[in-house]
Amino acid sequence: MVMSIPYEAVGRTRQKQRTRDALVAAARHLVAQGMSPTVEDAAVEASISRTTAYRYFSNQRALLVAAHPETEARSLLPPGASDDPADRLDAVIDAFTRLIADTEAQQRTMLRLSLEPDAAANAPGLLRQGRAIGWIEEALSPLRALMPEAEFRRLILVIRSATGIEARVWLRDVAGLSSDEATELLRWSAGAVYRSAVAHLPDRPAPPDRTADPG
């Protein structure tokens, strides 16, 4: 089987990486302005020729996936992370919610694009890349041997649904919370879900509750 080698993986790789980074940065800037940039839009913004841009991104979907602010981090656990799932979860949710807060404009645009009628055809998976689920799963991995797999997966999904951009938009736009208040409540929600899920398990410490009960 003949495997295709990415254009930027051969030849002047450092220069090509800089060009790719410039296109991604341009796309992110345009997304933050509320646009759904095409490859041509990113090329113009980055002052790069359209022909060159298409060597890096063959279509709009590939560009938007690369421009999504969550795609770069492989893990949100800090170096030397604890083996305790409670501490691990708190560290990951803290990083995750702050990432969303720092990139809220881009995240909102990606959410809007994913809800458009033709999103599935034009740019499927913008918010369904599974990255956050992977981060949470990694944080909770010490629990895997202590509960049924279905229960473990359900815990991950509930925490993700309570802490992502979708929940943040509701807290900001409907509940009227400030950015900091929304971030803290999302962290509190993750901790509350975790404490409930592990209450029946022996010797499972709860995550530190560093926020005030919202009421």
N, C-alpha and C. Protein backbone atom coordinates (compact mmCIF):
# COMPACT_ATOMS: atom_id res chain seq x y z
N MET A 1 0.84 -1.20 0.00
CA MET A 1 0.00 0.00 0.00
C MET A 1 0.88 1.25 0.00
N VAL A 2 0.61 2.19 -0.90
CA VAL A 2 1.35 3.43 -0.98
C VAL A 2 0.69 4.45 -0.06
N MET A 3 1.48 4.97 0.89
CA MET A 3 0.95 5.94 1.85
C MET A 3 1.33 7.35 1.43
N SER A 4 0.38 8.26 1.53
CA SER A 4 0.61 9.65 1.18
C SER A 4 1.38 10.36 2.29
N ILE A 5 2.44 11.06 1.94
CA ILE A 5 3.23 11.80 2.91
C ILE A 5 2.78 13.25 2.89
N PRO A 6 2.43 13.83 4.05
CA PRO A 6 1.99 15.23 4.08
C PRO A 6 3.03 16.15 3.45
N TYR A 7 2.56 17.16 2.74
CA TYR A 7 3.44 18.08 2.05
C TYR A 7 4.47 18.70 2.99
N GLU A 8 4.03 19.07 4.20
CA GLU A 8 4.93 19.76 5.12
C GLU A 8 5.92 18.83 5.81
N ALA A 9 5.82 17.51 5.57
CA ALA A 9 6.69 16.55 6.24
C ALA A 9 7.97 16.27 5.47
N VAL A 10 8.12 16.84 4.30
CA VAL A 10 9.32 16.60 3.50
C VAL A 10 9.90 17.94 3.06
N GLY A 11 11.19 17.92 2.73
CA GLY A 11 11.81 19.13 2.23
C GLY A 11 12.12 20.12 3.34
N ARG A 12 11.88 21.39 3.08
CA ARG A 12 12.18 22.45 4.05
C ARG A 12 11.12 22.47 5.14
N THR A 13 11.23 21.52 6.05
CA THR A 13 10.16 21.29 7.02
C THR A 13 9.95 22.46 7.97
N ARG A 14 11.02 23.13 8.39
CA ARG A 14 10.84 24.25 9.32
C ARG A 14 10.11 25.40 8.66
N GLN A 15 10.50 25.72 7.45
CA GLN A 15 9.82 26.79 6.72
C GLN A 15 8.37 26.42 6.46
N LYS A 16 8.14 25.16 6.11
CA LYS A 16 6.78 24.71 5.85
C LYS A 16 5.93 24.75 7.11
N GLN A 17 6.53 24.43 8.26
CA GLN A 17 5.79 24.50 9.51
C GLN A 17 5.40 25.94 9.82
N ARG A 18 6.30 26.87 9.54
CA ARG A 18 5.97 28.29 9.76
C ARG A 18 4.82 28.72 8.86
N THR A 19 4.82 28.24 7.62
CA THR A 19 3.73 28.59 6.70
C THR A 19 2.41 28.00 7.19
N ARG A 20 2.45 26.75 7.61
CA ARG A 20 1.23 26.11 8.12
C ARG A 20 0.73 26.84 9.37
N ASP A 21 1.65 27.19 10.26
CA ASP A 21 1.26 27.91 11.48
C ASP A 21 0.63 29.25 11.14
N ALA A 22 1.15 29.91 10.10
CA ALA A 22 0.60 31.21 9.70
C ALA A 22 -0.82 31.05 9.18
N LEU A 23 -1.07 29.99 8.42
CA LEU A 23 -2.42 29.75 7.91
C LEU A 23 -3.39 29.43 9.05
N VAL A 24 -2.94 28.62 10.00
CA VAL A 24 -3.80 28.29 11.14
C VAL A 24 -4.08 29.54 11.97
N ALA A 25 -3.06 30.36 12.20
CA ALA A 25 -3.25 31.59 12.97
C ALA A 25 -4.22 32.52 12.25
N ALA A 26 -4.11 32.61 10.94
CA ALA A 26 -5.01 33.46 10.17
C ALA A 26 -6.44 32.94 10.27
N ALA A 27 -6.60 31.63 10.16
CA ALA A 27 -7.94 31.05 10.27
C ALA A 27 -8.54 31.29 11.65
N ARG A 28 -7.73 31.15 12.68
CA ARG A 28 -8.23 31.38 14.04
C ARG A 28 -8.64 32.85 14.23
N HIS A 29 -7.86 33.74 13.65
CA HIS A 29 -8.21 35.16 13.74
C HIS A 29 -9.55 35.43 13.07
N LEU A 30 -9.76 34.85 11.91
CA LEU A 30 -11.01 35.05 11.18
C LEU A 30 -12.18 34.41 11.92
N VAL A 31 -11.95 33.23 12.49
CA VAL A 31 -13.00 32.57 13.27
C VAL A 31 -13.40 33.44 14.46
N ALA A 32 -12.40 34.05 15.11
CA ALA A 32 -12.68 34.91 16.26
C ALA A 32 -13.51 36.12 15.87
N GLN A 33 -13.46 36.49 14.58
CA GLN A 33 -14.28 37.61 14.08
C GLN A 33 -15.68 37.16 13.68
N GLY A 34 -15.98 35.88 13.88
CA GLY A 34 -17.30 35.35 13.56
C GLY A 34 -17.43 34.78 12.17
N MET A 35 -16.31 34.65 11.44
CA MET A 35 -16.35 34.14 10.08
C MET A 35 -16.21 32.64 10.05
N SER A 36 -16.54 32.05 8.92
CA SER A 36 -16.29 30.65 8.62
C SER A 36 -15.29 30.63 7.47
N PRO A 37 -14.00 30.82 7.75
CA PRO A 37 -13.03 31.06 6.68
C PRO A 37 -12.80 29.86 5.77
N THR A 38 -12.65 30.14 4.50
CA THR A 38 -12.24 29.13 3.54
C THR A 38 -10.72 29.12 3.50
N VAL A 39 -10.17 28.17 2.76
CA VAL A 39 -8.72 28.13 2.59
C VAL A 39 -8.24 29.41 1.92
N GLU A 40 -9.02 29.89 0.95
CA GLU A 40 -8.65 31.13 0.28
C GLU A 40 -8.66 32.31 1.24
N ASP A 41 -9.64 32.37 2.14
CA ASP A 41 -9.70 33.46 3.13
C ASP A 41 -8.46 33.47 4.01
N ALA A 42 -8.07 32.29 4.48
CA ALA A 42 -6.89 32.20 5.34
C ALA A 42 -5.63 32.59 4.58
N ALA A 43 -5.56 32.19 3.30
CA ALA A 43 -4.40 32.54 2.50
C ALA A 43 -4.26 34.04 2.35
N VAL A 44 -5.37 34.72 2.07
CA VAL A 44 -5.33 36.18 1.93
C VAL A 44 -4.92 36.82 3.25
N GLU A 45 -5.51 36.37 4.35
CA GLU A 45 -5.20 36.93 5.67
C GLU A 45 -3.73 36.75 6.03
N ALA A 46 -3.15 35.61 5.63
CA ALA A 46 -1.76 35.32 5.96
C ALA A 46 -0.77 35.78 4.89
N SER A 47 -1.28 36.40 3.84
CA SER A 47 -0.44 36.85 2.72
C SER A 47 0.34 35.69 2.10
N ILE A 48 -0.38 34.60 1.88
CA ILE A 48 0.18 33.40 1.27
C ILE A 48 -0.64 33.07 0.03
N SER A 49 -0.01 32.58 -0.99
CA SER A 49 -0.74 32.30 -2.23
C SER A 49 -1.75 31.18 -2.01
N ARG A 50 -2.84 31.24 -2.77
CA ARG A 50 -3.87 30.20 -2.66
C ARG A 50 -3.31 28.83 -3.00
N THR A 51 -2.46 28.79 -4.04
CA THR A 51 -1.88 27.50 -4.44
C THR A 51 -1.08 26.89 -3.30
N THR A 52 -0.29 27.71 -2.62
CA THR A 52 0.49 27.22 -1.49
C THR A 52 -0.41 26.77 -0.36
N ALA A 53 -1.43 27.55 -0.08
CA ALA A 53 -2.33 27.23 1.03
C ALA A 53 -2.99 25.86 0.83
N TYR A 54 -3.37 25.56 -0.41
CA TYR A 54 -4.04 24.28 -0.68
C TYR A 54 -3.08 23.09 -0.56
N ARG A 55 -1.79 23.35 -0.56
CA ARG A 55 -0.85 22.25 -0.33
C ARG A 55 -0.88 21.80 1.14
N TYR A 56 -1.33 22.68 2.00
CA TYR A 56 -1.39 22.37 3.43
C TYR A 56 -2.79 21.92 3.85
N PHE A 57 -3.81 22.54 3.27
CA PHE A 57 -5.19 22.22 3.62
C PHE A 57 -5.99 22.05 2.34
N SER A 58 -6.43 20.83 2.10
CA SER A 58 -7.10 20.54 0.84
C SER A 58 -8.52 21.08 0.78
N ASN A 59 -9.11 21.37 1.95
CA ASN A 59 -10.48 21.88 1.96
C ASN A 59 -10.73 22.67 3.24
N GLN A 60 -11.91 23.28 3.31
CA GLN A 60 -12.25 24.12 4.45
C GLN A 60 -12.31 23.31 5.74
N ARG A 61 -12.85 22.10 5.65
CA ARG A 61 -12.97 21.28 6.87
C ARG A 61 -11.61 21.04 7.51
N ALA A 62 -10.61 20.66 6.71
CA ALA A 62 -9.28 20.41 7.24
C ALA A 62 -8.70 21.66 7.91
N LEU A 63 -8.95 22.80 7.30
CA LEU A 63 -8.47 24.06 7.87
C LEU A 63 -9.15 24.35 9.20
N LEU A 64 -10.48 24.21 9.25
CA LEU A 64 -11.21 24.55 10.47
C LEU A 64 -10.88 23.58 11.61
N VAL A 65 -10.69 22.32 11.29
CA VAL A 65 -10.30 21.36 12.33
C VAL A 65 -8.94 21.74 12.91
N ALA A 66 -8.00 22.11 12.03
CA ALA A 66 -6.68 22.52 12.50
C ALA A 66 -6.74 23.81 13.31
N ALA A 67 -7.69 24.67 12.96
CA ALA A 67 -7.80 25.97 13.63
C ALA A 67 -8.53 25.89 14.95
N HIS A 68 -9.19 24.78 15.21
CA HIS A 68 -9.92 24.67 16.48
C HIS A 68 -8.93 24.76 17.63
N PRO A 69 -9.17 25.63 18.61
CA PRO A 69 -8.17 25.87 19.66
C PRO A 69 -7.89 24.68 20.56
N GLU A 70 -8.70 23.60 20.51
CA GLU A 70 -8.44 22.46 21.37
C GLU A 70 -7.55 21.40 20.73
N THR A 71 -7.24 21.53 19.44
CA THR A 71 -6.64 20.40 18.74
C THR A 71 -5.19 20.15 19.08
N GLU A 72 -4.46 21.11 19.63
CA GLU A 72 -3.02 20.96 19.77
C GLU A 72 -2.61 20.19 21.01
N ALA A 73 -3.30 20.33 22.13
CA ALA A 73 -2.88 19.70 23.37
C ALA A 73 -3.20 18.21 23.37
N ARG A 74 -2.19 17.39 23.60
CA ARG A 74 -2.39 15.95 23.69
C ARG A 74 -2.91 15.55 25.06
N SER A 75 -2.54 16.32 26.08
CA SER A 75 -2.94 16.02 27.45
C SER A 75 -3.04 17.34 28.21
N LEU A 76 -3.91 17.38 29.21
CA LEU A 76 -4.01 18.55 30.08
C LEU A 76 -3.49 18.26 31.48
N LEU A 77 -2.96 17.08 31.68
CA LEU A 77 -2.37 16.77 32.98
C LEU A 77 -1.03 17.47 33.12
N PRO A 78 -0.75 18.04 34.28
CA PRO A 78 0.55 18.69 34.47
C PRO A 78 1.65 17.66 34.63
N PRO A 79 2.91 18.03 34.45
CA PRO A 79 4.02 17.10 34.67
C PRO A 79 3.99 16.57 36.11
N GLY A 80 4.29 15.31 36.26
CA GLY A 80 4.30 14.72 37.59
C GLY A 80 2.93 14.68 38.24
N ALA A 81 1.90 14.48 37.43
CA ALA A 81 0.53 14.49 37.95
C ALA A 81 0.33 13.40 38.99
N SER A 82 -0.54 13.69 39.95
CA SER A 82 -0.88 12.74 41.00
C SER A 82 -1.51 11.48 40.41
N ASP A 83 -1.42 10.39 41.16
CA ASP A 83 -2.10 9.16 40.77
C ASP A 83 -3.55 9.17 41.24
N ASP A 84 -3.91 10.14 42.05
CA ASP A 84 -5.26 10.20 42.59
C ASP A 84 -6.22 10.78 41.55
N PRO A 85 -7.29 10.06 41.20
CA PRO A 85 -8.19 10.55 40.15
C PRO A 85 -8.87 11.86 40.50
N ALA A 86 -9.09 12.11 41.80
CA ALA A 86 -9.71 13.37 42.20
C ALA A 86 -8.83 14.56 41.86
N ASP A 87 -7.55 14.46 42.22
CA ASP A 87 -6.61 15.54 41.92
C ASP A 87 -6.39 15.68 40.42
N ARG A 88 -6.32 14.56 39.74
CA ARG A 88 -6.11 14.58 38.29
C ARG A 88 -7.29 15.26 37.59
N LEU A 89 -8.49 14.92 38.00
CA LEU A 89 -9.67 15.53 37.39
C LEU A 89 -9.70 17.03 37.64
N ASP A 90 -9.41 17.44 38.86
CA ASP A 90 -9.43 18.87 39.18
C ASP A 90 -8.43 19.63 38.32
N ALA A 91 -7.24 19.06 38.12
CA ALA A 91 -6.22 19.72 37.30
C ALA A 91 -6.67 19.83 35.85
N VAL A 92 -7.25 18.77 35.31
CA VAL A 92 -7.67 18.77 33.91
C VAL A 92 -8.85 19.72 33.69
N ILE A 93 -9.83 19.69 34.59
CA ILE A 93 -10.99 20.57 34.42
C ILE A 93 -10.59 22.02 34.59
N ASP A 94 -9.67 22.30 35.49
CA ASP A 94 -9.18 23.67 35.64
C ASP A 94 -8.56 24.15 34.32
N ALA A 95 -7.69 23.31 33.73
CA ALA A 95 -7.05 23.69 32.47
C ALA A 95 -8.06 23.78 31.33
N PHE A 96 -9.00 22.83 31.28
CA PHE A 96 -9.99 22.79 30.21
C PHE A 96 -10.90 24.01 30.24
N THR A 97 -11.44 24.34 31.40
CA THR A 97 -12.37 25.46 31.49
C THR A 97 -11.65 26.79 31.23
N ARG A 98 -10.40 26.89 31.63
CA ARG A 98 -9.65 28.13 31.35
C ARG A 98 -9.29 28.23 29.87
N LEU A 99 -9.02 27.10 29.24
CA LEU A 99 -8.78 27.09 27.79
C LEU A 99 -10.01 27.61 27.06
N ILE A 100 -11.19 27.14 27.45
CA ILE A 100 -12.41 27.58 26.80
C ILE A 100 -12.65 29.06 27.05
N ALA A 101 -12.39 29.51 28.29
CA ALA A 101 -12.57 30.93 28.60
C ALA A 101 -11.63 31.79 27.77
N ASP A 102 -10.38 31.35 27.60
CA ASP A 102 -9.39 32.12 26.85
C ASP A 102 -9.68 32.16 25.35
N THR A 103 -10.40 31.16 24.85
CA THR A 103 -10.69 31.09 23.42
C THR A 103 -12.20 31.13 23.17
N GLU A 104 -12.92 31.83 24.04
CA GLU A 104 -14.38 31.78 23.97
C GLU A 104 -14.93 32.25 22.63
N ALA A 105 -14.35 33.31 22.08
CA ALA A 105 -14.86 33.82 20.81
C ALA A 105 -14.75 32.76 19.72
N GLN A 106 -13.60 32.10 19.63
CA GLN A 106 -13.42 31.06 18.63
C GLN A 106 -14.34 29.87 18.90
N GLN A 107 -14.46 29.50 20.18
CA GLN A 107 -15.30 28.37 20.54
C GLN A 107 -16.76 28.64 20.18
N ARG A 108 -17.22 29.86 20.42
CA ARG A 108 -18.60 30.21 20.08
C ARG A 108 -18.83 30.12 18.58
N THR A 109 -17.85 30.58 17.80
CA THR A 109 -18.01 30.52 16.35
C THR A 109 -18.05 29.07 15.89
N MET A 110 -17.19 28.23 16.43
CA MET A 110 -17.19 26.82 16.07
C MET A 110 -18.51 26.17 16.45
N LEU A 111 -19.06 26.54 17.61
CA LEU A 111 -20.35 26.00 18.02
C LEU A 111 -21.44 26.44 17.05
N ARG A 112 -21.42 27.71 16.68
CA ARG A 112 -22.42 28.21 15.72
C ARG A 112 -22.30 27.49 14.38
N LEU A 113 -21.08 27.31 13.90
CA LEU A 113 -20.88 26.64 12.62
C LEU A 113 -21.36 25.20 12.67
N SER A 114 -21.14 24.54 13.81
CA SER A 114 -21.54 23.14 13.92
C SER A 114 -23.04 22.96 13.96
N LEU A 115 -23.77 24.04 14.26
CA LEU A 115 -25.23 23.97 14.35
C LEU A 115 -25.93 24.40 13.07
N GLU A 116 -25.16 24.90 12.10
CA GLU A 116 -25.77 25.31 10.85
C GLU A 116 -26.29 24.09 10.08
N PRO A 117 -27.38 24.27 9.29
CA PRO A 117 -28.01 23.13 8.60
C PRO A 117 -27.07 22.31 7.73
N ASP A 118 -26.08 22.97 7.11
CA ASP A 118 -25.19 22.23 6.21
C ASP A 118 -23.86 21.87 6.86
N ALA A 119 -23.79 21.97 8.19
CA ALA A 119 -22.52 21.71 8.87
C ALA A 119 -22.03 20.29 8.65
N ALA A 120 -22.93 19.34 8.68
CA ALA A 120 -22.52 17.94 8.53
C ALA A 120 -21.86 17.69 7.19
N ALA A 121 -22.31 18.42 6.18
CA ALA A 121 -21.75 18.21 4.84
C ALA A 121 -20.47 19.01 4.63
N ASN A 122 -20.43 20.24 5.15
CA ASN A 122 -19.31 21.13 4.87
C ASN A 122 -18.14 20.99 5.84
N ALA A 123 -18.43 20.80 7.11
CA ALA A 123 -17.35 20.73 8.10
C ALA A 123 -17.76 19.88 9.27
N PRO A 124 -17.97 18.59 9.05
CA PRO A 124 -18.45 17.71 10.12
C PRO A 124 -17.41 17.57 11.22
N GLY A 125 -17.89 17.39 12.44
CA GLY A 125 -17.00 17.07 13.54
C GLY A 125 -16.27 18.23 14.17
N LEU A 126 -16.67 19.47 13.90
CA LEU A 126 -15.95 20.60 14.45
C LEU A 126 -15.90 20.55 15.97
N LEU A 127 -16.98 20.15 16.61
CA LEU A 127 -17.00 20.06 18.06
C LEU A 127 -17.10 18.61 18.52
N ARG A 128 -16.85 17.66 17.62
CA ARG A 128 -16.98 16.26 17.99
C ARG A 128 -15.67 15.51 17.75
N GLN A 129 -14.57 16.16 18.04
CA GLN A 129 -13.28 15.53 17.83
C GLN A 129 -12.90 14.60 18.98
N GLY A 130 -13.60 14.67 20.10
CA GLY A 130 -13.34 13.77 21.20
C GLY A 130 -12.14 14.12 22.04
N ARG A 131 -11.51 15.27 21.78
CA ARG A 131 -10.31 15.64 22.51
C ARG A 131 -10.59 15.80 23.99
N ALA A 132 -11.62 16.54 24.35
CA ALA A 132 -11.92 16.76 25.76
C ALA A 132 -12.29 15.46 26.46
N ILE A 133 -13.01 14.60 25.76
CA ILE A 133 -13.36 13.30 26.33
C ILE A 133 -12.09 12.51 26.64
N GLY A 134 -11.12 12.58 25.74
CA GLY A 134 -9.85 11.91 25.98
C GLY A 134 -9.11 12.47 27.18
N TRP A 135 -9.13 13.80 27.33
CA TRP A 135 -8.48 14.42 28.48
C TRP A 135 -9.11 13.96 29.79
N ILE A 136 -10.44 13.95 29.82
CA ILE A 136 -11.15 13.53 31.04
C ILE A 136 -10.92 12.05 31.31
N GLU A 137 -10.95 11.24 30.26
CA GLU A 137 -10.70 9.81 30.42
C GLU A 137 -9.31 9.56 30.99
N GLU A 138 -8.32 10.30 30.51
CA GLU A 138 -6.96 10.16 31.03
C GLU A 138 -6.91 10.53 32.51
N ALA A 139 -7.60 11.61 32.87
CA ALA A 139 -7.61 12.05 34.26
C ALA A 139 -8.21 10.99 35.18
N LEU A 140 -9.27 10.35 34.72
CA LEU A 140 -10.00 9.39 35.54
C LEU A 140 -9.53 7.96 35.36
N SER A 141 -8.47 7.73 34.61
CA SER A 141 -8.04 6.37 34.30
C SER A 141 -7.81 5.49 35.53
N PRO A 142 -7.37 6.03 36.68
CA PRO A 142 -7.23 5.16 37.85
C PRO A 142 -8.54 4.56 38.34
N LEU A 143 -9.67 5.14 37.91
CA LEU A 143 -10.97 4.61 38.32
C LEU A 143 -11.43 3.44 37.47
N ARG A 144 -10.78 3.25 36.35
CA ARG A 144 -11.31 2.30 35.36
C ARG A 144 -11.48 0.89 35.94
N ALA A 145 -10.56 0.49 36.80
CA ALA A 145 -10.62 -0.86 37.36
C ALA A 145 -11.61 -0.96 38.52
N LEU A 146 -12.18 0.17 38.93
CA LEU A 146 -13.04 0.18 40.11
C LEU A 146 -14.51 0.26 39.80
N MET A 147 -14.87 0.44 38.53
CA MET A 147 -16.28 0.52 38.18
C MET A 147 -16.52 -0.11 36.82
N PRO A 148 -17.74 -0.55 36.53
CA PRO A 148 -18.04 -1.12 35.21
C PRO A 148 -17.72 -0.13 34.10
N GLU A 149 -17.32 -0.66 32.95
CA GLU A 149 -16.93 0.20 31.84
C GLU A 149 -18.05 1.15 31.43
N ALA A 150 -19.28 0.66 31.40
CA ALA A 150 -20.41 1.52 31.02
C ALA A 150 -20.56 2.68 32.00
N GLU A 151 -20.38 2.41 33.27
CA GLU A 151 -20.49 3.45 34.29
C GLU A 151 -19.34 4.45 34.16
N PHE A 152 -18.16 3.93 33.87
CA PHE A 152 -16.98 4.78 33.68
C PHE A 152 -17.18 5.72 32.50
N ARG A 153 -17.68 5.19 31.38
CA ARG A 153 -17.91 6.01 30.20
C ARG A 153 -19.00 7.05 30.46
N ARG A 154 -20.03 6.64 31.18
CA ARG A 154 -21.11 7.58 31.49
C ARG A 154 -20.59 8.75 32.32
N LEU A 155 -19.71 8.47 33.28
CA LEU A 155 -19.14 9.53 34.11
C LEU A 155 -18.36 10.52 33.26
N ILE A 156 -17.55 10.00 32.33
CA ILE A 156 -16.77 10.88 31.45
C ILE A 156 -17.69 11.79 30.63
N LEU A 157 -18.74 11.21 30.05
CA LEU A 157 -19.64 11.98 29.19
C LEU A 157 -20.41 13.04 29.98
N VAL A 158 -20.83 12.69 31.19
CA VAL A 158 -21.57 13.67 31.99
C VAL A 158 -20.66 14.84 32.37
N ILE A 159 -19.43 14.55 32.75
CA ILE A 159 -18.50 15.63 33.10
C ILE A 159 -18.22 16.51 31.88
N ARG A 160 -18.03 15.88 30.71
CA ARG A 160 -17.80 16.67 29.50
C ARG A 160 -18.99 17.56 29.19
N SER A 161 -20.19 17.03 29.30
CA SER A 161 -21.38 17.81 28.97
C SER A 161 -21.59 18.97 29.94
N ALA A 162 -21.05 18.84 31.14
CA ALA A 162 -21.24 19.88 32.16
C ALA A 162 -20.15 20.93 32.15
N THR A 163 -19.12 20.77 31.31
CA THR A 163 -17.97 21.67 31.39
C THR A 163 -17.56 22.29 30.06
N GLY A 164 -18.20 21.94 28.95
CA GLY A 164 -17.77 22.43 27.65
C GLY A 164 -18.34 23.78 27.27
N ILE A 165 -18.08 24.19 26.04
CA ILE A 165 -18.53 25.49 25.55
C ILE A 165 -20.04 25.59 25.55
N GLU A 166 -20.74 24.47 25.33
CA GLU A 166 -22.20 24.50 25.31
C GLU A 166 -22.74 24.95 26.66
N ALA A 167 -22.21 24.36 27.73
CA ALA A 167 -22.64 24.73 29.08
C ALA A 167 -22.22 26.16 29.40
N ARG A 168 -21.03 26.54 28.95
CA ARG A 168 -20.54 27.89 29.23
C ARG A 168 -21.43 28.95 28.56
N VAL A 169 -21.84 28.71 27.33
CA VAL A 169 -22.72 29.66 26.64
C VAL A 169 -24.01 29.84 27.42
N TRP A 170 -24.59 28.75 27.91
CA TRP A 170 -25.84 28.87 28.68
C TRP A 170 -25.61 29.68 29.96
N LEU A 171 -24.53 29.41 30.65
CA LEU A 171 -24.26 30.13 31.89
C LEU A 171 -24.03 31.62 31.65
N ARG A 172 -23.35 31.95 30.55
CA ARG A 172 -23.05 33.36 30.26
C ARG A 172 -24.26 34.08 29.70
N ASP A 173 -24.95 33.47 28.73
CA ASP A 173 -25.99 34.17 28.00
C ASP A 173 -27.37 34.07 28.64
N VAL A 174 -27.65 32.96 29.28
CA VAL A 174 -28.96 32.75 29.88
C VAL A 174 -28.93 33.04 31.37
N ALA A 175 -27.96 32.46 32.07
CA ALA A 175 -27.88 32.67 33.52
C ALA A 175 -27.26 34.02 33.88
N GLY A 176 -26.57 34.63 32.92
CA GLY A 176 -26.03 35.96 33.15
C GLY A 176 -24.77 36.02 34.00
N LEU A 177 -24.01 34.91 34.07
CA LEU A 177 -22.80 34.91 34.88
C LEU A 177 -21.66 35.60 34.15
N SER A 178 -20.73 36.12 34.93
CA SER A 178 -19.51 36.68 34.35
C SER A 178 -18.63 35.54 33.86
N SER A 179 -17.57 35.87 33.13
CA SER A 179 -16.66 34.85 32.63
C SER A 179 -16.05 34.05 33.77
N ASP A 180 -15.56 34.74 34.80
CA ASP A 180 -14.94 34.05 35.92
C ASP A 180 -15.96 33.21 36.69
N GLU A 181 -17.16 33.73 36.86
CA GLU A 181 -18.20 32.97 37.56
C GLU A 181 -18.57 31.70 36.81
N ALA A 182 -18.66 31.81 35.49
CA ALA A 182 -18.99 30.64 34.68
C ALA A 182 -17.88 29.59 34.78
N THR A 183 -16.63 30.03 34.72
CA THR A 183 -15.51 29.11 34.82
C THR A 183 -15.53 28.36 36.14
N GLU A 184 -15.74 29.09 37.23
CA GLU A 184 -15.75 28.46 38.55
C GLU A 184 -16.93 27.50 38.71
N LEU A 185 -18.07 27.85 38.15
CA LEU A 185 -19.23 26.97 38.28
C LEU A 185 -19.05 25.70 37.46
N LEU A 186 -18.41 25.80 36.31
CA LEU A 186 -18.13 24.60 35.52
C LEU A 186 -17.21 23.65 36.29
N ARG A 187 -16.22 24.20 36.95
CA ARG A 187 -15.33 23.37 37.77
C ARG A 187 -16.10 22.74 38.92
N TRP A 188 -16.96 23.52 39.54
CA TRP A 188 -17.76 23.00 40.65
C TRP A 188 -18.65 21.86 40.16
N SER A 189 -19.23 22.02 38.98
CA SER A 189 -20.11 20.99 38.43
C SER A 189 -19.36 19.68 38.22
N ALA A 190 -18.15 19.77 37.68
CA ALA A 190 -17.36 18.57 37.45
C ALA A 190 -17.07 17.85 38.77
N GLY A 191 -16.71 18.63 39.78
CA GLY A 191 -16.44 18.03 41.08
C GLY A 191 -17.67 17.40 41.69
N ALA A 192 -18.81 18.05 41.55
CA ALA A 192 -20.05 17.51 42.11
C ALA A 192 -20.43 16.19 41.44
N VAL A 193 -20.29 16.13 40.11
CA VAL A 193 -20.59 14.90 39.39
C VAL A 193 -19.66 13.78 39.85
N TYR A 194 -18.38 14.11 39.95
CA TYR A 194 -17.41 13.11 40.39
C TYR A 194 -17.73 12.59 41.78
N ARG A 195 -18.00 13.47 42.73
CA ARG A 195 -18.28 13.05 44.11
C ARG A 195 -19.48 12.13 44.17
N SER A 196 -20.50 12.45 43.38
CA SER A 196 -21.69 11.60 43.34
C SER A 196 -21.39 10.23 42.76
N ALA A 197 -20.57 10.20 41.71
CA ALA A 197 -20.30 8.94 41.02
C ALA A 197 -19.44 7.98 41.83
N VAL A 198 -18.55 8.52 42.67
CA VAL A 198 -17.63 7.65 43.40
C VAL A 198 -18.04 7.45 44.86
N ALA A 199 -19.18 7.98 45.24
CA ALA A 199 -19.59 7.90 46.64
C ALA A 199 -19.69 6.45 47.13
N HIS A 200 -20.03 5.53 46.23
CA HIS A 200 -20.20 4.14 46.64
C HIS A 200 -18.91 3.33 46.58
N LEU A 201 -17.84 3.97 46.06
CA LEU A 201 -16.57 3.26 45.95
C LEU A 201 -15.77 3.38 47.24
N PRO A 202 -15.03 2.36 47.65
CA PRO A 202 -14.27 2.42 48.90
C PRO A 202 -13.04 3.31 48.77
N ASP A 203 -12.83 4.14 49.78
CA ASP A 203 -11.59 4.91 49.92
C ASP A 203 -11.29 5.78 48.70
N ARG A 204 -12.33 6.42 48.15
CA ARG A 204 -12.10 7.32 47.03
C ARG A 204 -12.19 8.76 47.51
N PRO A 205 -11.06 9.49 47.57
CA PRO A 205 -11.13 10.88 48.02
C PRO A 205 -11.87 11.76 47.02
N ALA A 206 -12.63 12.69 47.53
CA ALA A 206 -13.33 13.64 46.66
C ALA A 206 -12.38 14.70 46.18
N PRO A 207 -12.64 15.30 45.01
CA PRO A 207 -11.78 16.38 44.53
C PRO A 207 -11.95 17.59 45.41
N PRO A 208 -10.92 18.41 45.56
CA PRO A 208 -11.04 19.60 46.39
C PRO A 208 -12.11 20.53 45.87
N ASP A 209 -13.02 20.95 46.73
CA ASP A 209 -14.10 21.85 46.35
C ASP A 209 -13.63 23.27 46.60
N ARG A 210 -13.01 23.87 45.58
CA ARG A 210 -12.36 25.19 45.76
C ARG A 210 -13.29 26.34 45.43
N THR A 211 -14.50 26.05 45.07
CA THR A 211 -15.45 27.12 44.74
C THR A 211 -16.61 27.08 45.70
N ALA A 212 -17.27 28.20 45.83
CA ALA A 212 -18.43 28.27 46.71
C ALA A 212 -19.62 27.58 46.04
N ASP A 213 -20.46 26.96 46.85
CA ASP A 213 -21.68 26.38 46.34
C ASP A 213 -22.49 27.48 45.67
N PRO A 214 -22.86 27.32 44.36
CA PRO A 214 -23.55 28.40 43.66
C PRO A 214 -24.94 28.67 44.16
N GLY A 215 -25.41 27.83 45.04
CA GLY A 215 -26.65 28.27 45.60
C GLY A 215 -27.81 27.40 45.59
